Amino acid sequence: MSEQPEEQVSRPLANHLAARLRELRARRGFTQDHVAKRLGCHESAVSRWESGSRFPTGEDLVALADLFEDRKSTRLNSSHS
């Protein structure tokens, strides 16, 4: 699993995803280290996703949605079902 550099991703989208990932992780009581181990990536990758400086790949987004049991998170939208 890898990451897409910030310049390849829309800043508002990256910021929205970052906030959503922090929210979902906090709701589950997971640490960044726990998320990283479950996804098979480094904790620093999770930190960069949550800061909005990097964007997870599509594969990572699906794995995150599975981990958080929240398929809505793959759409990056918490207000619509």
PDB file of N, CA and C in Angstrom:
ATOM      1  N   MET A   1       0.843  -1.175   0.000  1.00  0.00           N
ATOM      2  CA  MET A   1       0.000   0.000   0.000  1.00  0.00           C
ATOM      3  C   MET A   1       0.887   1.238   0.000  1.00  0.00           C
ATOM      4  N   SER A   2       0.484   2.203  -0.761  1.00  0.00           N
ATOM      5  CA  SER A   2       1.276   3.421  -0.852  1.00  0.00           C
ATOM      6  C   SER A   2       0.368   4.624  -0.682  1.00  0.00           C
ATOM      7  N   GLU A   3       0.942   5.781  -0.912  1.00  0.00           N
ATOM      8  CA  GLU A   3       0.191   7.018  -0.735  1.00  0.00           C
ATOM      9  C   GLU A   3       0.357   7.892  -1.961  1.00  0.00           C
ATOM     10  N   GLN A   4      -0.618   8.750  -2.173  1.00  0.00           N
ATOM     11  CA  GLN A   4      -0.527   9.709  -3.257  1.00  0.00           C
ATOM     12  C   GLN A   4      -0.038  11.025  -2.686  1.00  0.00           C
ATOM     13  N   PRO A   5       0.946  11.655  -3.333  1.00  0.00           N
ATOM     14  CA  PRO A   5       1.433  12.949  -2.841  1.00  0.00           C
ATOM     15  C   PRO A   5       0.332  13.993  -2.835  1.00  0.00           C
ATOM     16  N   GLU A   6       0.466  14.925  -1.942  1.00  0.00           N
ATOM     17  CA  GLU A   6      -0.523  15.981  -1.738  1.00  0.00           C
ATOM     18  C   GLU A   6      -0.857  16.729  -3.022  1.00  0.00           C
ATOM     19  N   GLU A   7       0.141  16.997  -3.872  1.00  0.00           N
ATOM     20  CA  GLU A   7      -0.124  17.795  -5.062  1.00  0.00           C
ATOM     21  C   GLU A   7      -1.021  17.081  -6.063  1.00  0.00           C
ATOM     22  N   GLN A   8      -1.226  15.761  -5.924  1.00  0.00           N
ATOM     23  CA  GLN A   8      -2.099  15.021  -6.828  1.00  0.00           C
ATOM     24  C   GLN A   8      -3.528  14.946  -6.312  1.00  0.00           C
ATOM     25  N   VAL A   9      -3.792  15.497  -5.141  1.00  0.00           N
ATOM     26  CA  VAL A   9      -5.101  15.390  -4.509  1.00  0.00           C
ATOM     27  C   VAL A   9      -5.620  16.786  -4.180  1.00  0.00           C
ATOM     28  N   SER A  10      -6.898  16.978  -4.393  1.00  0.00           N
ATOM     29  CA  SER A  10      -7.532  18.247  -4.047  1.00  0.00           C
ATOM     30  C   SER A  10      -7.389  18.507  -2.551  1.00  0.00           C
ATOM     31  N   ARG A  11      -6.940  19.696  -2.193  1.00  0.00           N
ATOM     32  CA  ARG A  11      -6.756  20.056  -0.783  1.00  0.00           C
ATOM     33  C   ARG A  11      -8.057  19.920   0.023  1.00  0.00           C
ATOM     34  N   PRO A  12      -9.212  20.435  -0.440  1.00  0.00           N
ATOM     35  CA  PRO A  12     -10.436  20.271   0.353  1.00  0.00           C
ATOM     36  C   PRO A  12     -10.798  18.795   0.561  1.00  0.00           C
ATOM     37  N   LEU A  13     -10.600  17.977  -0.455  1.00  0.00           N
ATOM     38  CA  LEU A  13     -10.890  16.552  -0.332  1.00  0.00           C
ATOM     39  C   LEU A  13      -9.963  15.903   0.694  1.00  0.00           C
ATOM     40  N   ALA A  14      -8.682  16.211   0.621  1.00  0.00           N
ATOM     41  CA  ALA A  14      -7.723  15.648   1.573  1.00  0.00           C
ATOM     42  C   ALA A  14      -8.058  16.084   2.996  1.00  0.00           C
ATOM     43  N   ASN A  15      -8.428  17.333   3.178  1.00  0.00           N
ATOM     44  CA  ASN A  15      -8.780  17.826   4.514  1.00  0.00           C
ATOM     45  C   ASN A  15     -10.050  17.164   5.037  1.00  0.00           C
ATOM     46  N   HIS A  16     -11.024  16.979   4.164  1.00  0.00           N
ATOM     47  CA  HIS A  16     -12.265  16.326   4.572  1.00  0.00           C
ATOM     48  C   HIS A  16     -11.996  14.879   4.980  1.00  0.00           C
ATOM     49  N   LEU A  17     -11.226  14.179   4.167  1.00  0.00           N
ATOM     50  CA  LEU A  17     -10.900  12.790   4.485  1.00  0.00           C
ATOM     51  C   LEU A  17     -10.111  12.716   5.788  1.00  0.00           C
ATOM     52  N   ALA A  18      -9.160  13.615   5.975  1.00  0.00           N
ATOM     53  CA  ALA A  18      -8.346  13.620   7.197  1.00  0.00           C
ATOM     54  C   ALA A  18      -9.234  13.741   8.431  1.00  0.00           C
ATOM     55  N   ALA A  19     -10.165  14.664   8.403  1.00  0.00           N
ATOM     56  CA  ALA A  19     -11.063  14.865   9.543  1.00  0.00           C
ATOM     57  C   ALA A  19     -11.942  13.638   9.753  1.00  0.00           C
ATOM     58  N   ARG A  20     -12.415  13.054   8.663  1.00  0.00           N
ATOM     59  CA  ARG A  20     -13.283  11.869   8.755  1.00  0.00           C
ATOM     60  C   ARG A  20     -12.524  10.685   9.334  1.00  0.00           C
ATOM     61  N   LEU A  21     -11.286  10.483   8.908  1.00  0.00           N
ATOM     62  CA  LEU A  21     -10.492   9.377   9.443  1.00  0.00           C
ATOM     63  C   LEU A  21     -10.232   9.553  10.934  1.00  0.00           C
ATOM     64  N   ARG A  22      -9.903  10.774  11.343  1.00  0.00           N
ATOM     65  CA  ARG A  22      -9.685  11.036  12.782  1.00  0.00           C
ATOM     66  C   ARG A  22     -10.951  10.739  13.573  1.00  0.00           C
ATOM     67  N   GLU A  23     -12.093  11.172  13.036  1.00  0.00           N
ATOM     68  CA  GLU A  23     -13.371  10.963  13.708  1.00  0.00           C
ATOM     69  C   GLU A  23     -13.690   9.472  13.846  1.00  0.00           C
ATOM     70  N   LEU A  24     -13.562   8.731  12.755  1.00  0.00           N
ATOM     71  CA  LEU A  24     -13.869   7.304  12.787  1.00  0.00           C
ATOM     72  C   LEU A  24     -12.926   6.553  13.725  1.00  0.00           C
ATOM     73  N   ARG A  25     -11.654   6.896  13.683  1.00  0.00           N
ATOM     74  CA  ARG A  25     -10.679   6.226  14.550  1.00  0.00           C
ATOM     75  C   ARG A  25     -10.985   6.509  16.016  1.00  0.00           C
ATOM     76  N   ALA A  26     -11.305   7.769  16.320  1.00  0.00           N
ATOM     77  CA  ALA A  26     -11.615   8.142  17.707  1.00  0.00           C
ATOM     78  C   ALA A  26     -12.875   7.428  18.196  1.00  0.00           C
ATOM     79  N   ARG A  27     -13.886   7.335  17.354  1.00  0.00           N
ATOM     80  CA  ARG A  27     -15.128   6.649  17.735  1.00  0.00           C
ATOM     81  C   ARG A  27     -14.886   5.195  18.107  1.00  0.00           C
ATOM     82  N   ARG A  28     -13.961   4.561  17.404  1.00  0.00           N
ATOM     83  CA  ARG A  28     -13.665   3.149  17.660  1.00  0.00           C
ATOM     84  C   ARG A  28     -12.655   2.969  18.788  1.00  0.00           C
ATOM     85  N   GLY A  29     -12.024   4.068  19.214  1.00  0.00           N
ATOM     86  CA  GLY A  29     -11.014   3.974  20.263  1.00  0.00           C
ATOM     87  C   GLY A  29      -9.713   3.361  19.774  1.00  0.00           C
ATOM     88  N   PHE A  30      -9.459   3.457  18.473  1.00  0.00           N
ATOM     89  CA  PHE A  30      -8.241   2.911  17.890  1.00  0.00           C
ATOM     90  C   PHE A  30      -7.108   3.921  17.961  1.00  0.00           C
ATOM     91  N   THR A  31      -5.897   3.435  18.110  1.00  0.00           N
ATOM     92  CA  THR A  31      -4.715   4.294  17.983  1.00  0.00           C
ATOM     93  C   THR A  31      -4.275   4.281  16.519  1.00  0.00           C
ATOM     94  N   GLN A  32      -3.439   5.228  16.144  1.00  0.00           N
ATOM     95  CA  GLN A  32      -2.889   5.217  14.794  1.00  0.00           C
ATOM     96  C   GLN A  32      -2.074   3.947  14.579  1.00  0.00           C
ATOM     97  N   ASP A  33      -1.381   3.502  15.598  1.00  0.00           N
ATOM     98  CA  ASP A  33      -0.585   2.286  15.503  1.00  0.00           C
ATOM     99  C   ASP A  33      -1.479   1.077  15.231  1.00  0.00           C
ATOM    100  N   HIS A  34      -2.621   1.000  15.901  1.00  0.00           N
ATOM    101  CA  HIS A  34      -3.566  -0.107  15.688  1.00  0.00           C
ATOM    102  C   HIS A  34      -4.055  -0.116  14.240  1.00  0.00           C
ATOM    103  N   VAL A  35      -4.449   1.044  13.751  1.00  0.00           N
ATOM    104  CA  VAL A  35      -4.927   1.151  12.365  1.00  0.00           C
ATOM    105  C   VAL A  35      -3.822   0.723  11.406  1.00  0.00           C
ATOM    106  N   ALA A  36      -2.617   1.215  11.625  1.00  0.00           N
ATOM    107  CA  ALA A  36      -1.491   0.883  10.750  1.00  0.00           C
ATOM    108  C   ALA A  36      -1.229  -0.626  10.728  1.00  0.00           C
ATOM    109  N   LYS A  37      -1.225  -1.243  11.895  1.00  0.00           N
ATOM    110  CA  LYS A  37      -0.976  -2.685  11.948  1.00  0.00           C
ATOM    111  C   LYS A  37      -2.069  -3.463  11.238  1.00  0.00           C
ATOM    112  N   ARG A  38      -3.312  -3.049  11.388  1.00  0.00           N
ATOM    113  CA  ARG A  38      -4.423  -3.748  10.733  1.00  0.00           C
ATOM    114  C   ARG A  38      -4.364  -3.597   9.210  1.00  0.00           C
ATOM    115  N   LEU A  39      -3.849  -2.451   8.740  1.00  0.00           N
ATOM    116  CA  LEU A  39      -3.764  -2.212   7.296  1.00  0.00           C
ATOM    117  C   LEU A  39      -2.442  -2.667   6.692  1.00  0.00           C
ATOM    118  N   GLY A  40      -1.478  -2.984   7.551  1.00  0.00           N
ATOM    119  CA  GLY A  40      -0.170  -3.411   7.048  1.00  0.00           C
ATOM    120  C   GLY A  40       0.666  -2.267   6.527  1.00  0.00           C
ATOM    121  N   CYS A  41       0.514  -1.102   7.151  1.00  0.00           N
ATOM    122  CA  CYS A  41       1.313   0.054   6.749  1.00  0.00           C
ATOM    123  C   CYS A  41       2.008   0.623   7.982  1.00  0.00           C
ATOM    124  N   HIS A  42       2.776   1.658   7.808  1.00  0.00           N
ATOM    125  CA  HIS A  42       3.486   2.282   8.914  1.00  0.00           C
ATOM    126  C   HIS A  42       2.587   3.312   9.593  1.00  0.00           C
ATOM    127  N   GLU A  43       2.770   3.471  10.888  1.00  0.00           N
ATOM    128  CA  GLU A  43       1.981   4.448  11.645  1.00  0.00           C
ATOM    129  C   GLU A  43       2.104   5.853  11.055  1.00  0.00           C
ATOM    130  N   SER A  44       3.266   6.178  10.512  1.00  0.00           N
ATOM    131  CA  SER A  44       3.449   7.510   9.930  1.00  0.00           C
ATOM    132  C   SER A  44       2.533   7.731   8.725  1.00  0.00           C
ATOM    133  N   ALA A  45       2.185   6.666   8.009  1.00  0.00           N
ATOM    134  CA  ALA A  45       1.250   6.800   6.882  1.00  0.00           C
ATOM    135  C   ALA A  45      -0.121   7.218   7.400  1.00  0.00           C
ATOM    136  N   VAL A  46      -0.568   6.586   8.467  1.00  0.00           N
ATOM    137  CA  VAL A  46      -1.866   6.939   9.058  1.00  0.00           C
ATOM    138  C   VAL A  46      -1.827   8.380   9.549  1.00  0.00           C
ATOM    139  N   SER A  47      -0.741   8.761  10.160  1.00  0.00           N
ATOM    140  CA  SER A  47      -0.587  10.139  10.643  1.00  0.00           C
ATOM    141  C   SER A  47      -0.668  11.137   9.490  1.00  0.00           C
ATOM    142  N   ARG A  48      -0.016  10.825   8.386  1.00  0.00           N
ATOM    143  CA  ARG A  48      -0.050  11.731   7.220  1.00  0.00           C
ATOM    144  C   ARG A  48      -1.441  11.799   6.610  1.00  0.00           C
ATOM    145  N   TRP A  49      -2.157  10.670   6.590  1.00  0.00           N
ATOM    146  CA  TRP A  49      -3.539  10.692   6.081  1.00  0.00           C
ATOM    147  C   TRP A  49      -4.396  11.584   6.966  1.00  0.00           C
ATOM    148  N   GLU A  50      -4.212  11.458   8.276  1.00  0.00           N
ATOM    149  CA  GLU A  50      -5.032  12.226   9.210  1.00  0.00           C
ATOM    150  C   GLU A  50      -4.653  13.697   9.260  1.00  0.00           C
ATOM    151  N   SER A  51      -3.463  14.031   8.821  1.00  0.00           N
ATOM    152  CA  SER A  51      -3.069  15.438   8.774  1.00  0.00           C
ATOM    153  C   SER A  51      -3.433  16.068   7.440  1.00  0.00           C
ATOM    154  N   GLY A  52      -3.778  15.234   6.466  1.00  0.00           N
ATOM    155  CA  GLY A  52      -4.127  15.724   5.140  1.00  0.00           C
ATOM    156  C   GLY A  52      -2.930  15.973   4.245  1.00  0.00           C
ATOM    157  N   SER A  53      -1.732  15.597   4.717  1.00  0.00           N
ATOM    158  CA  SER A  53      -0.542  15.825   3.897  1.00  0.00           C
ATOM    159  C   SER A  53      -0.352  14.747   2.835  1.00  0.00           C
ATOM    160  N   ARG A  54      -0.984  13.603   3.032  1.00  0.00           N
ATOM    161  CA  ARG A  54      -0.964  12.519   2.046  1.00  0.00           C
ATOM    162  C   ARG A  54      -2.361  11.934   1.946  1.00  0.00           C
ATOM    163  N   PHE A  55      -2.608  11.252   0.842  1.00  0.00           N
ATOM    164  CA  PHE A  55      -3.922  10.672   0.588  1.00  0.00           C
ATOM    165  C   PHE A  55      -3.769   9.165   0.421  1.00  0.00           C
ATOM    166  N   PRO A  56      -4.609   8.385   1.095  1.00  0.00           N
ATOM    167  CA  PRO A  56      -4.510   6.924   0.924  1.00  0.00           C
ATOM    168  C   PRO A  56      -4.919   6.503  -0.487  1.00  0.00           C
ATOM    169  N   THR A  57      -4.399   5.369  -0.903  1.00  0.00           N
ATOM    170  CA  THR A  57      -4.779   4.812  -2.201  1.00  0.00           C
ATOM    171  C   THR A  57      -6.214   4.302  -2.127  1.00  0.00           C
ATOM    172  N   GLY A  58      -6.780   3.965  -3.255  1.00  0.00           N
ATOM    173  CA  GLY A  58      -8.112   3.375  -3.283  1.00  0.00           C
ATOM    174  C   GLY A  58      -8.169   2.090  -2.476  1.00  0.00           C
ATOM    175  N   GLU A  59      -7.131   1.294  -2.591  1.00  0.00           N
ATOM    176  CA  GLU A  59      -7.043   0.044  -1.821  1.00  0.00           C
ATOM    177  C   GLU A  59      -7.042   0.341  -0.323  1.00  0.00           C
ATOM    178  N   ASP A  60      -6.307   1.366   0.084  1.00  0.00           N
ATOM    179  CA  ASP A  60      -6.275   1.754   1.498  1.00  0.00           C
ATOM    180  C   ASP A  60      -7.638   2.262   1.956  1.00  0.00           C
ATOM    181  N   LEU A  61      -8.328   3.006   1.102  1.00  0.00           N
ATOM    182  CA  LEU A  61      -9.652   3.515   1.465  1.00  0.00           C
ATOM    183  C   LEU A  61     -10.632   2.369   1.719  1.00  0.00           C
ATOM    184  N   VAL A  62     -10.577   1.349   0.875  1.00  0.00           N
ATOM    185  CA  VAL A  62     -11.450   0.190   1.067  1.00  0.00           C
ATOM    186  C   VAL A  62     -11.087  -0.530   2.364  1.00  0.00           C
ATOM    187  N   ALA A  63      -9.790  -0.696   2.625  1.00  0.00           N
ATOM    188  CA  ALA A  63      -9.350  -1.357   3.862  1.00  0.00           C
ATOM    189  C   ALA A  63      -9.770  -0.546   5.088  1.00  0.00           C
ATOM    190  N   LEU A  64      -9.684   0.778   4.993  1.00  0.00           N
ATOM    191  CA  LEU A  64     -10.113   1.633   6.101  1.00  0.00           C
ATOM    192  C   LEU A  64     -11.612   1.502   6.337  1.00  0.00           C
ATOM    193  N   ALA A  65     -12.380   1.488   5.266  1.00  0.00           N
ATOM    194  CA  ALA A  65     -13.836   1.335   5.404  1.00  0.00           C
ATOM    195  C   ALA A  65     -14.176  -0.009   6.041  1.00  0.00           C
ATOM    196  N   ASP A  66     -13.466  -1.056   5.648  1.00  0.00           N
ATOM    197  CA  ASP A  66     -13.686  -2.367   6.249  1.00  0.00           C
ATOM    198  C   ASP A  66     -13.318  -2.349   7.728  1.00  0.00           C
ATOM    199  N   LEU A  67     -12.214  -1.736   8.052  1.00  0.00           N
ATOM    200  CA  LEU A  67     -11.757  -1.664   9.434  1.00  0.00           C
ATOM    201  C   LEU A  67     -12.757  -0.915  10.301  1.00  0.00           C
ATOM    202  N   PHE A  68     -13.253   0.191   9.796  1.00  0.00           N
ATOM    203  CA  PHE A  68     -14.186   1.009  10.567  1.00  0.00           C
ATOM    204  C   PHE A  68     -15.637   0.550  10.389  1.00  0.00           C
ATOM    205  N   GLU A  69     -15.834  -0.479   9.555  1.00  0.00           N
ATOM    206  CA  GLU A  69     -17.167  -1.001   9.275  1.00  0.00           C
ATOM    207  C   GLU A  69     -18.106   0.119   8.850  1.00  0.00           C
ATOM    208  N   ASP A  70     -17.615   0.953   7.963  1.00  0.00           N
ATOM    209  CA  ASP A  70     -18.347   2.139   7.538  1.00  0.00           C
ATOM    210  C   ASP A  70     -18.150   2.340   6.044  1.00  0.00           C
ATOM    211  N   ARG A  71     -18.981   1.712   5.249  1.00  0.00           N
ATOM    212  CA  ARG A  71     -18.856   1.838   3.793  1.00  0.00           C
ATOM    213  C   ARG A  71     -19.088   3.270   3.321  1.00  0.00           C
ATOM    214  N   LYS A  72     -19.796   4.084   4.106  1.00  0.00           N
ATOM    215  CA  LYS A  72     -19.988   5.484   3.720  1.00  0.00           C
ATOM    216  C   LYS A  72     -18.652   6.199   3.640  1.00  0.00           C
ATOM    217  N   SER A  73     -17.669   5.796   4.444  1.00  0.00           N
ATOM    218  CA  SER A  73     -16.399   6.516   4.449  1.00  0.00           C
ATOM    219  C   SER A  73     -15.681   6.422   3.125  1.00  0.00           C
ATOM    220  N   THR A  74     -15.999   5.402   2.307  1.00  0.00           N
ATOM    221  CA  THR A  74     -15.361   5.323   0.986  1.00  0.00           C
ATOM    222  C   THR A  74     -15.895   6.417   0.075  1.00  0.00           C
ATOM    223  N   ARG A  75     -17.078   6.964   0.407  1.00  0.00           N
ATOM    224  CA  ARG A  75     -17.623   8.079  -0.367  1.00  0.00           C
ATOM    225  C   ARG A  75     -17.188   9.412   0.220  1.00  0.00           C
ATOM    226  N   LEU A  76     -16.525   9.382   1.362  1.00  0.00           N
ATOM    227  CA  LEU A  76     -16.013  10.594   2.010  1.00  0.00           C
ATOM    228  C   LEU A  76     -17.117  11.540   2.420  1.00  0.00           C
ATOM    229  N   ASN A  77     -18.300  11.015   2.664  1.00  0.00           N
ATOM    230  CA  ASN A  77     -19.414  11.891   2.981  1.00  0.00           C
ATOM    231  C   ASN A  77     -20.152  11.339   4.175  1.00  0.00           C
ATOM    232  N   SER A  78     -20.182  12.081   5.258  1.00  0.00           N
ATOM    233  CA  SER A  78     -20.826  11.582   6.468  1.00  0.00           C
ATOM    234  C   SER A  78     -22.278  12.033   6.593  1.00  0.00           C
ATOM    235  N   SER A  79     -22.768  12.858   5.682  1.00  0.00           N
ATOM    236  CA  SER A  79     -24.119  13.405   5.852  1.00  0.00           C
ATOM    237  C   SER A  79     -25.166  12.735   4.974  1.00  0.00           C
ATOM    238  N   HIS A  80     -24.768  11.888   4.027  1.00  0.00           N
ATOM    239  CA  HIS A  80     -25.732  11.217   3.154  1.00  0.00           C
ATOM    240  C   HIS A  80     -25.592   9.725   3.295  1.00  0.00           C
ATOM    241  N   SER A  81     -26.721   8.996   3.189  1.00  0.00           N
ATOM    242  CA  SER A  81     -26.637   7.537   3.251  1.00  0.00           C
ATOM    243  C   SER A  81     -26.627   6.912   1.894  1.00  0.00           C
TER     244      SER A  81
END
